[in-house]
Amino acid sequence: MHFAGSTTGQLDPDKFWNAWERGAEVTTDVFAEGWTLWAVADKPLEHVRAAYRIPPLDPAYAAHGQVPSWYRPAP
């Protein structure tokens, strides 16, 4: 059974550090005990971003949306 492949050159340091900095500004710890996705799952995304103080993403730092050919998400 194939679970994962290997690859090189996939980490874009500029995008990584931009994500790190944006994450450091978020005010809600989604790993904290008691936090639940279901409390916000039905809220508009813009509302959640504002409530958690998630900074906007500069499109230059957005992921390119491609996945390795070996990747197959579980059904």
PDB file of N, CA and C in Angstrom:
ATOM      1  N   MET A   1       0.842  -1.166   0.000  1.00  0.00           N
ATOM      2  CA  MET A   1       0.000   0.000   0.000  1.00  0.00           C
ATOM      3  C   MET A   1       0.901   1.247   0.000  1.00  0.00           C
ATOM      4  N   HIS A   2       0.584   2.201  -0.834  1.00  0.00           N
ATOM      5  CA  HIS A   2       1.392   3.407  -0.984  1.00  0.00           C
ATOM      6  C   HIS A   2       0.744   4.550  -0.204  1.00  0.00           C
ATOM      7  N   PHE A   3       1.422   5.042   0.824  1.00  0.00           N
ATOM      8  CA  PHE A   3       0.870   6.123   1.641  1.00  0.00           C
ATOM      9  C   PHE A   3       1.438   7.479   1.285  1.00  0.00           C
ATOM     10  N   ALA A   4       2.705   7.514   0.931  1.00  0.00           N
ATOM     11  CA  ALA A   4       3.333   8.803   0.670  1.00  0.00           C
ATOM     12  C   ALA A   4       4.473   8.633  -0.322  1.00  0.00           C
ATOM     13  N   GLY A   5       4.753   9.658  -1.024  1.00  0.00           N
ATOM     14  CA  GLY A   5       5.877   9.660  -1.939  1.00  0.00           C
ATOM     15  C   GLY A   5       6.934  10.605  -1.418  1.00  0.00           C
ATOM     16  N   SER A   6       7.921  10.833  -2.213  1.00  0.00           N
ATOM     17  CA  SER A   6       8.939  11.804  -1.819  1.00  0.00           C
ATOM     18  C   SER A   6       9.105  12.813  -2.940  1.00  0.00           C
ATOM     19  N   THR A   7       9.574  13.963  -2.572  1.00  0.00           N
ATOM     20  CA  THR A   7       9.753  15.019  -3.558  1.00  0.00           C
ATOM     21  C   THR A   7      10.791  16.000  -3.033  1.00  0.00           C
ATOM     22  N   THR A   8      11.311  16.804  -3.896  1.00  0.00           N
ATOM     23  CA  THR A   8      12.246  17.847  -3.489  1.00  0.00           C
ATOM     24  C   THR A   8      11.839  19.145  -4.157  1.00  0.00           C
ATOM     25  N   GLY A   9      12.287  20.241  -3.583  1.00  0.00           N
ATOM     26  CA  GLY A   9      12.022  21.548  -4.178  1.00  0.00           C
ATOM     27  C   GLY A   9      10.606  22.044  -4.028  1.00  0.00           C
ATOM     28  N   GLN A  10       9.841  21.488  -3.109  1.00  0.00           N
ATOM     29  CA  GLN A  10       8.436  21.875  -2.964  1.00  0.00           C
ATOM     30  C   GLN A  10       8.218  22.990  -1.956  1.00  0.00           C
ATOM     31  N   LEU A  11       9.196  23.240  -1.092  1.00  0.00           N
ATOM     32  CA  LEU A  11       9.030  24.284  -0.082  1.00  0.00           C
ATOM     33  C   LEU A  11       9.483  25.621  -0.650  1.00  0.00           C
ATOM     34  N   ASP A  12       8.570  26.557  -0.650  1.00  0.00           N
ATOM     35  CA  ASP A  12       8.885  27.922  -1.068  1.00  0.00           C
ATOM     36  C   ASP A  12       9.116  28.716   0.213  1.00  0.00           C
ATOM     37  N   PRO A  13      10.365  29.066   0.522  1.00  0.00           N
ATOM     38  CA  PRO A  13      10.648  29.737   1.793  1.00  0.00           C
ATOM     39  C   PRO A  13       9.864  31.033   1.986  1.00  0.00           C
ATOM     40  N   ASP A  14       9.684  31.822   0.942  1.00  0.00           N
ATOM     41  CA  ASP A  14       8.925  33.067   1.084  1.00  0.00           C
ATOM     42  C   ASP A  14       7.480  32.781   1.493  1.00  0.00           C
ATOM     43  N   LYS A  15       6.860  31.793   0.873  1.00  0.00           N
ATOM     44  CA  LYS A  15       5.478  31.444   1.217  1.00  0.00           C
ATOM     45  C   LYS A  15       5.403  30.853   2.620  1.00  0.00           C
ATOM     46  N   PHE A  16       6.394  30.036   2.966  1.00  0.00           N
ATOM     47  CA  PHE A  16       6.414  29.432   4.295  1.00  0.00           C
ATOM     48  C   PHE A  16       6.477  30.502   5.375  1.00  0.00           C
ATOM     49  N   TRP A  17       7.422  31.440   5.260  1.00  0.00           N
ATOM     50  CA  TRP A  17       7.582  32.452   6.300  1.00  0.00           C
ATOM     51  C   TRP A  17       6.425  33.441   6.314  1.00  0.00           C
ATOM     52  N   ASN A  18       5.823  33.683   5.162  1.00  0.00           N
ATOM     53  CA  ASN A  18       4.630  34.525   5.136  1.00  0.00           C
ATOM     54  C   ASN A  18       3.504  33.840   5.905  1.00  0.00           C
ATOM     55  N   ALA A  19       3.327  32.550   5.688  1.00  0.00           N
ATOM     56  CA  ALA A  19       2.303  31.792   6.414  1.00  0.00           C
ATOM     57  C   ALA A  19       2.603  31.784   7.908  1.00  0.00           C
ATOM     58  N   TRP A  20       3.861  31.630   8.263  1.00  0.00           N
ATOM     59  CA  TRP A  20       4.268  31.623   9.669  1.00  0.00           C
ATOM     60  C   TRP A  20       3.901  32.950  10.333  1.00  0.00           C
ATOM     61  N   GLU A  21       4.233  34.050   9.675  1.00  0.00           N
ATOM     62  CA  GLU A  21       3.943  35.377  10.220  1.00  0.00           C
ATOM     63  C   GLU A  21       2.441  35.619  10.332  1.00  0.00           C
ATOM     64  N   ARG A  22       1.686  35.203   9.303  1.00  0.00           N
ATOM     65  CA  ARG A  22       0.235  35.374   9.359  1.00  0.00           C
ATOM     66  C   ARG A  22      -0.348  34.553  10.498  1.00  0.00           C
ATOM     67  N   GLY A  23       0.145  33.329  10.661  1.00  0.00           N
ATOM     68  CA  GLY A  23      -0.339  32.465  11.734  1.00  0.00           C
ATOM     69  C   GLY A  23      -0.058  33.025  13.111  1.00  0.00           C
ATOM     70  N   ALA A  24       1.062  33.708  13.255  1.00  0.00           N
ATOM     71  CA  ALA A  24       1.422  34.300  14.544  1.00  0.00           C
ATOM     72  C   ALA A  24       0.470  35.422  14.944  1.00  0.00           C
ATOM     73  N   GLU A  25      -0.235  35.991  13.986  1.00  0.00           N
ATOM     74  CA  GLU A  25      -1.175  37.085  14.277  1.00  0.00           C
ATOM     75  C   GLU A  25      -2.576  36.605  14.645  1.00  0.00           C
ATOM     76  N   VAL A  26      -2.862  35.344  14.387  1.00  0.00           N
ATOM     77  CA  VAL A  26      -4.192  34.795  14.664  1.00  0.00           C
ATOM     78  C   VAL A  26      -4.419  34.737  16.178  1.00  0.00           C
ATOM     79  N   THR A  27      -5.602  35.112  16.627  1.00  0.00           N
ATOM     80  CA  THR A  27      -5.885  35.223  18.055  1.00  0.00           C
ATOM     81  C   THR A  27      -6.577  34.003  18.657  1.00  0.00           C
ATOM     82  N   THR A  28      -6.943  33.028  17.847  1.00  0.00           N
ATOM     83  CA  THR A  28      -7.653  31.858  18.357  1.00  0.00           C
ATOM     84  C   THR A  28      -6.807  30.612  18.161  1.00  0.00           C
ATOM     85  N   ASP A  29      -6.630  29.854  19.238  1.00  0.00           N
ATOM     86  CA  ASP A  29      -5.869  28.610  19.178  1.00  0.00           C
ATOM     87  C   ASP A  29      -6.830  27.476  18.851  1.00  0.00           C
ATOM     88  N   VAL A  30      -6.804  27.012  17.621  1.00  0.00           N
ATOM     89  CA  VAL A  30      -7.737  25.963  17.198  1.00  0.00           C
ATOM     90  C   VAL A  30      -7.323  24.581  17.710  1.00  0.00           C
ATOM     91  N   PHE A  31      -6.185  24.516  18.418  1.00  0.00           N
ATOM     92  CA  PHE A  31      -5.770  23.262  19.055  1.00  0.00           C
ATOM     93  C   PHE A  31      -6.074  23.267  20.555  1.00  0.00           C
ATOM     94  N   ALA A  32      -6.632  24.359  21.044  1.00  0.00           N
ATOM     95  CA  ALA A  32      -6.936  24.471  22.469  1.00  0.00           C
ATOM     96  C   ALA A  32      -8.077  23.530  22.851  1.00  0.00           C
ATOM     97  N   GLU A  33      -7.991  23.035  24.077  1.00  0.00           N
ATOM     98  CA  GLU A  33      -9.064  22.193  24.584  1.00  0.00           C
ATOM     99  C   GLU A  33     -10.354  23.008  24.620  1.00  0.00           C
ATOM    100  N   GLY A  34     -11.416  22.442  24.124  1.00  0.00           N
ATOM    101  CA  GLY A  34     -12.692  23.131  24.124  1.00  0.00           C
ATOM    102  C   GLY A  34     -13.041  23.814  22.807  1.00  0.00           C
ATOM    103  N   TRP A  35     -12.024  24.092  21.973  1.00  0.00           N
ATOM    104  CA  TRP A  35     -12.338  24.691  20.679  1.00  0.00           C
ATOM    105  C   TRP A  35     -12.940  23.609  19.789  1.00  0.00           C
ATOM    106  N   THR A  36     -13.967  23.976  19.052  1.00  0.00           N
ATOM    107  CA  THR A  36     -14.596  23.013  18.154  1.00  0.00           C
ATOM    108  C   THR A  36     -14.915  23.674  16.820  1.00  0.00           C
ATOM    109  N   LEU A  37     -14.607  22.973  15.771  1.00  0.00           N
ATOM    110  CA  LEU A  37     -14.901  23.452  14.424  1.00  0.00           C
ATOM    111  C   LEU A  37     -16.388  23.731  14.258  1.00  0.00           C
ATOM    112  N   TRP A  38     -17.211  22.914  14.894  1.00  0.00           N
ATOM    113  CA  TRP A  38     -18.654  23.018  14.680  1.00  0.00           C
ATOM    114  C   TRP A  38     -19.230  24.324  15.198  1.00  0.00           C
ATOM    115  N   ALA A  39     -18.519  25.006  16.068  1.00  0.00           N
ATOM    116  CA  ALA A  39     -18.991  26.298  16.568  1.00  0.00           C
ATOM    117  C   ALA A  39     -18.929  27.383  15.496  1.00  0.00           C
ATOM    118  N   VAL A  40     -18.095  27.180  14.490  1.00  0.00           N
ATOM    119  CA  VAL A  40     -17.943  28.192  13.436  1.00  0.00           C
ATOM    120  C   VAL A  40     -18.191  27.654  12.030  1.00  0.00           C
ATOM    121  N   ALA A  41     -18.470  26.371  11.915  1.00  0.00           N
ATOM    122  CA  ALA A  41     -18.590  25.744  10.594  1.00  0.00           C
ATOM    123  C   ALA A  41     -19.688  26.369   9.734  1.00  0.00           C
ATOM    124  N   ASP A  42     -20.719  26.872  10.344  1.00  0.00           N
ATOM    125  CA  ASP A  42     -21.821  27.445   9.564  1.00  0.00           C
ATOM    126  C   ASP A  42     -21.710  28.967   9.409  1.00  0.00           C
ATOM    127  N   LYS A  43     -20.644  29.545   9.909  1.00  0.00           N
ATOM    128  CA  LYS A  43     -20.445  30.996   9.810  1.00  0.00           C
ATOM    129  C   LYS A  43     -19.800  31.355   8.475  1.00  0.00           C
ATOM    130  N   PRO A  44     -20.087  32.538   7.969  1.00  0.00           N
ATOM    131  CA  PRO A  44     -19.405  32.967   6.742  1.00  0.00           C
ATOM    132  C   PRO A  44     -17.895  33.067   6.993  1.00  0.00           C
ATOM    133  N   LEU A  45     -17.109  32.673   6.012  1.00  0.00           N
ATOM    134  CA  LEU A  45     -15.661  32.672   6.153  1.00  0.00           C
ATOM    135  C   LEU A  45     -15.126  34.042   6.548  1.00  0.00           C
ATOM    136  N   GLU A  46     -15.680  35.081   5.985  1.00  0.00           N
ATOM    137  CA  GLU A  46     -15.227  36.435   6.309  1.00  0.00           C
ATOM    138  C   GLU A  46     -15.430  36.739   7.797  1.00  0.00           C
ATOM    139  N   HIS A  47     -16.529  36.243   8.362  1.00  0.00           N
ATOM    140  CA  HIS A  47     -16.818  36.441   9.785  1.00  0.00           C
ATOM    141  C   HIS A  47     -15.768  35.747  10.651  1.00  0.00           C
ATOM    142  N   VAL A  48     -15.446  34.518  10.302  1.00  0.00           N
ATOM    143  CA  VAL A  48     -14.460  33.757  11.073  1.00  0.00           C
ATOM    144  C   VAL A  48     -13.079  34.409  10.955  1.00  0.00           C
ATOM    145  N   ARG A  49     -12.716  34.817   9.753  1.00  0.00           N
ATOM    146  CA  ARG A  49     -11.420  35.481   9.575  1.00  0.00           C
ATOM    147  C   ARG A  49     -11.326  36.739  10.426  1.00  0.00           C
ATOM    148  N   ALA A  50     -12.397  37.506  10.486  1.00  0.00           N
ATOM    149  CA  ALA A  50     -12.396  38.731  11.295  1.00  0.00           C
ATOM    150  C   ALA A  50     -12.350  38.386  12.789  1.00  0.00           C
ATOM    151  N   ALA A  51     -13.154  37.428  13.214  1.00  0.00           N
ATOM    152  CA  ALA A  51     -13.213  37.063  14.630  1.00  0.00           C
ATOM    153  C   ALA A  51     -11.882  36.510  15.123  1.00  0.00           C
ATOM    154  N   TYR A  52     -11.177  35.769  14.285  1.00  0.00           N
ATOM    155  CA  TYR A  52      -9.900  35.158  14.673  1.00  0.00           C
ATOM    156  C   TYR A  52      -8.717  36.052  14.306  1.00  0.00           C
ATOM    157  N   ARG A  53      -9.028  37.185  13.711  1.00  0.00           N
ATOM    158  CA  ARG A  53      -8.013  38.163  13.298  1.00  0.00           C
ATOM    159  C   ARG A  53      -6.981  37.546  12.346  1.00  0.00           C
ATOM    160  N   ILE A  54      -7.488  36.803  11.369  1.00  0.00           N
ATOM    161  CA  ILE A  54      -6.621  36.196  10.355  1.00  0.00           C
ATOM    162  C   ILE A  54      -6.310  37.258   9.315  1.00  0.00           C
ATOM    163  N   PRO A  55      -5.032  37.596   9.150  1.00  0.00           N
ATOM    164  CA  PRO A  55      -4.682  38.648   8.191  1.00  0.00           C
ATOM    165  C   PRO A  55      -4.983  38.224   6.758  1.00  0.00           C
ATOM    166  N   PRO A  56      -5.259  39.178   5.883  1.00  0.00           N
ATOM    167  CA  PRO A  56      -5.497  38.833   4.484  1.00  0.00           C
ATOM    168  C   PRO A  56      -4.240  38.233   3.856  1.00  0.00           C
ATOM    169  N   LEU A  57      -4.451  37.414   2.849  1.00  0.00           N
ATOM    170  CA  LEU A  57      -3.348  36.768   2.138  1.00  0.00           C
ATOM    171  C   LEU A  57      -3.054  37.523   0.860  1.00  0.00           C
ATOM    172  N   ASP A  58      -1.824  37.953   0.719  1.00  0.00           N
ATOM    173  CA  ASP A  58      -1.364  38.547  -0.532  1.00  0.00           C
ATOM    174  C   ASP A  58      -1.355  37.432  -1.571  1.00  0.00           C
ATOM    175  N   PRO A  59      -2.035  37.587  -2.702  1.00  0.00           N
ATOM    176  CA  PRO A  59      -2.083  36.531  -3.709  1.00  0.00           C
ATOM    177  C   PRO A  59      -0.703  36.029  -4.140  1.00  0.00           C
ATOM    178  N   ALA A  60       0.310  36.846  -4.019  1.00  0.00           N
ATOM    179  CA  ALA A  60       1.659  36.413  -4.391  1.00  0.00           C
ATOM    180  C   ALA A  60       2.141  35.256  -3.515  1.00  0.00           C
ATOM    181  N   TYR A  61       1.535  35.094  -2.317  1.00  0.00           N
ATOM    182  CA  TYR A  61       1.952  34.039  -1.400  1.00  0.00           C
ATOM    183  C   TYR A  61       0.976  32.863  -1.375  1.00  0.00           C
ATOM    184  N   ALA A  62      -0.003  32.865  -2.241  1.00  0.00           N
ATOM    185  CA  ALA A  62      -0.980  31.776  -2.287  1.00  0.00           C
ATOM    186  C   ALA A  62      -0.353  30.517  -2.881  1.00  0.00           C
ATOM    187  N   ALA A  63      -0.847  29.382  -2.447  1.00  0.00           N
ATOM    188  CA  ALA A  63      -0.386  28.110  -3.008  1.00  0.00           C
ATOM    189  C   ALA A  63      -0.777  28.027  -4.475  1.00  0.00           C
ATOM    190  N   HIS A  64      -0.035  27.258  -5.218  1.00  0.00           N
ATOM    191  CA  HIS A  64      -0.304  27.143  -6.655  1.00  0.00           C
ATOM    192  C   HIS A  64      -1.396  26.140  -6.961  1.00  0.00           C
ATOM    193  N   GLY A  65      -1.827  25.374  -5.980  1.00  0.00           N
ATOM    194  CA  GLY A  65      -2.959  24.477  -6.156  1.00  0.00           C
ATOM    195  C   GLY A  65      -2.652  23.156  -6.818  1.00  0.00           C
ATOM    196  N   GLN A  66      -1.395  22.859  -7.062  1.00  0.00           N
ATOM    197  CA  GLN A  66      -1.038  21.587  -7.677  1.00  0.00           C
ATOM    198  C   GLN A  66      -0.591  20.613  -6.598  1.00  0.00           C
ATOM    199  N   VAL A  67      -0.921  19.355  -6.802  1.00  0.00           N
ATOM    200  CA  VAL A  67      -0.482  18.315  -5.874  1.00  0.00           C
ATOM    201  C   VAL A  67       0.336  17.288  -6.646  1.00  0.00           C
ATOM    202  N   PRO A  68       1.232  16.571  -5.973  1.00  0.00           N
ATOM    203  CA  PRO A  68       2.028  15.558  -6.667  1.00  0.00           C
ATOM    204  C   PRO A  68       1.131  14.496  -7.307  1.00  0.00           C
ATOM    205  N   SER A  69       1.582  13.921  -8.396  1.00  0.00           N
ATOM    206  CA  SER A  69       0.772  12.939  -9.127  1.00  0.00           C
ATOM    207  C   SER A  69       0.454  11.703  -8.293  1.00  0.00           C
ATOM    208  N   TRP A  70       1.293  11.384  -7.303  1.00  0.00           N
ATOM    209  CA  TRP A  70       1.067  10.193  -6.481  1.00  0.00           C
ATOM    210  C   TRP A  70       0.010  10.424  -5.405  1.00  0.00           C
ATOM    211  N   TYR A  71      -0.358  11.669  -5.135  1.00  0.00           N
ATOM    212  CA  TYR A  71      -1.277  11.966  -4.039  1.00  0.00           C
ATOM    213  C   TYR A  71      -2.710  11.647  -4.415  1.00  0.00           C
ATOM    214  N   ARG A  72      -3.368  10.843  -3.595  1.00  0.00           N
ATOM    215  CA  ARG A  72      -4.776  10.498  -3.783  1.00  0.00           C
ATOM    216  C   ARG A  72      -5.471  10.626  -2.444  1.00  0.00           C
ATOM    217  N   PRO A  73      -6.290  11.663  -2.221  1.00  0.00           N
ATOM    218  CA  PRO A  73      -6.970  11.801  -0.928  1.00  0.00           C
ATOM    219  C   PRO A  73      -7.929  10.644  -0.690  1.00  0.00           C
ATOM    220  N   ALA A  74      -8.138  10.353   0.570  1.00  0.00           N
ATOM    221  CA  ALA A  74      -9.069   9.265   0.932  1.00  0.00           C
ATOM    222  C   ALA A  74     -10.489   9.658   0.534  1.00  0.00           C
ATOM    223  N   PRO A  75     -11.281   8.703   0.065  1.00  0.00           N
ATOM    224  CA  PRO A  75     -12.675   9.017  -0.315  1.00  0.00           C
ATOM    225  C   PRO A  75     -13.542   9.290   0.894  1.00  0.00           C
TER     226      PRO A  75
END
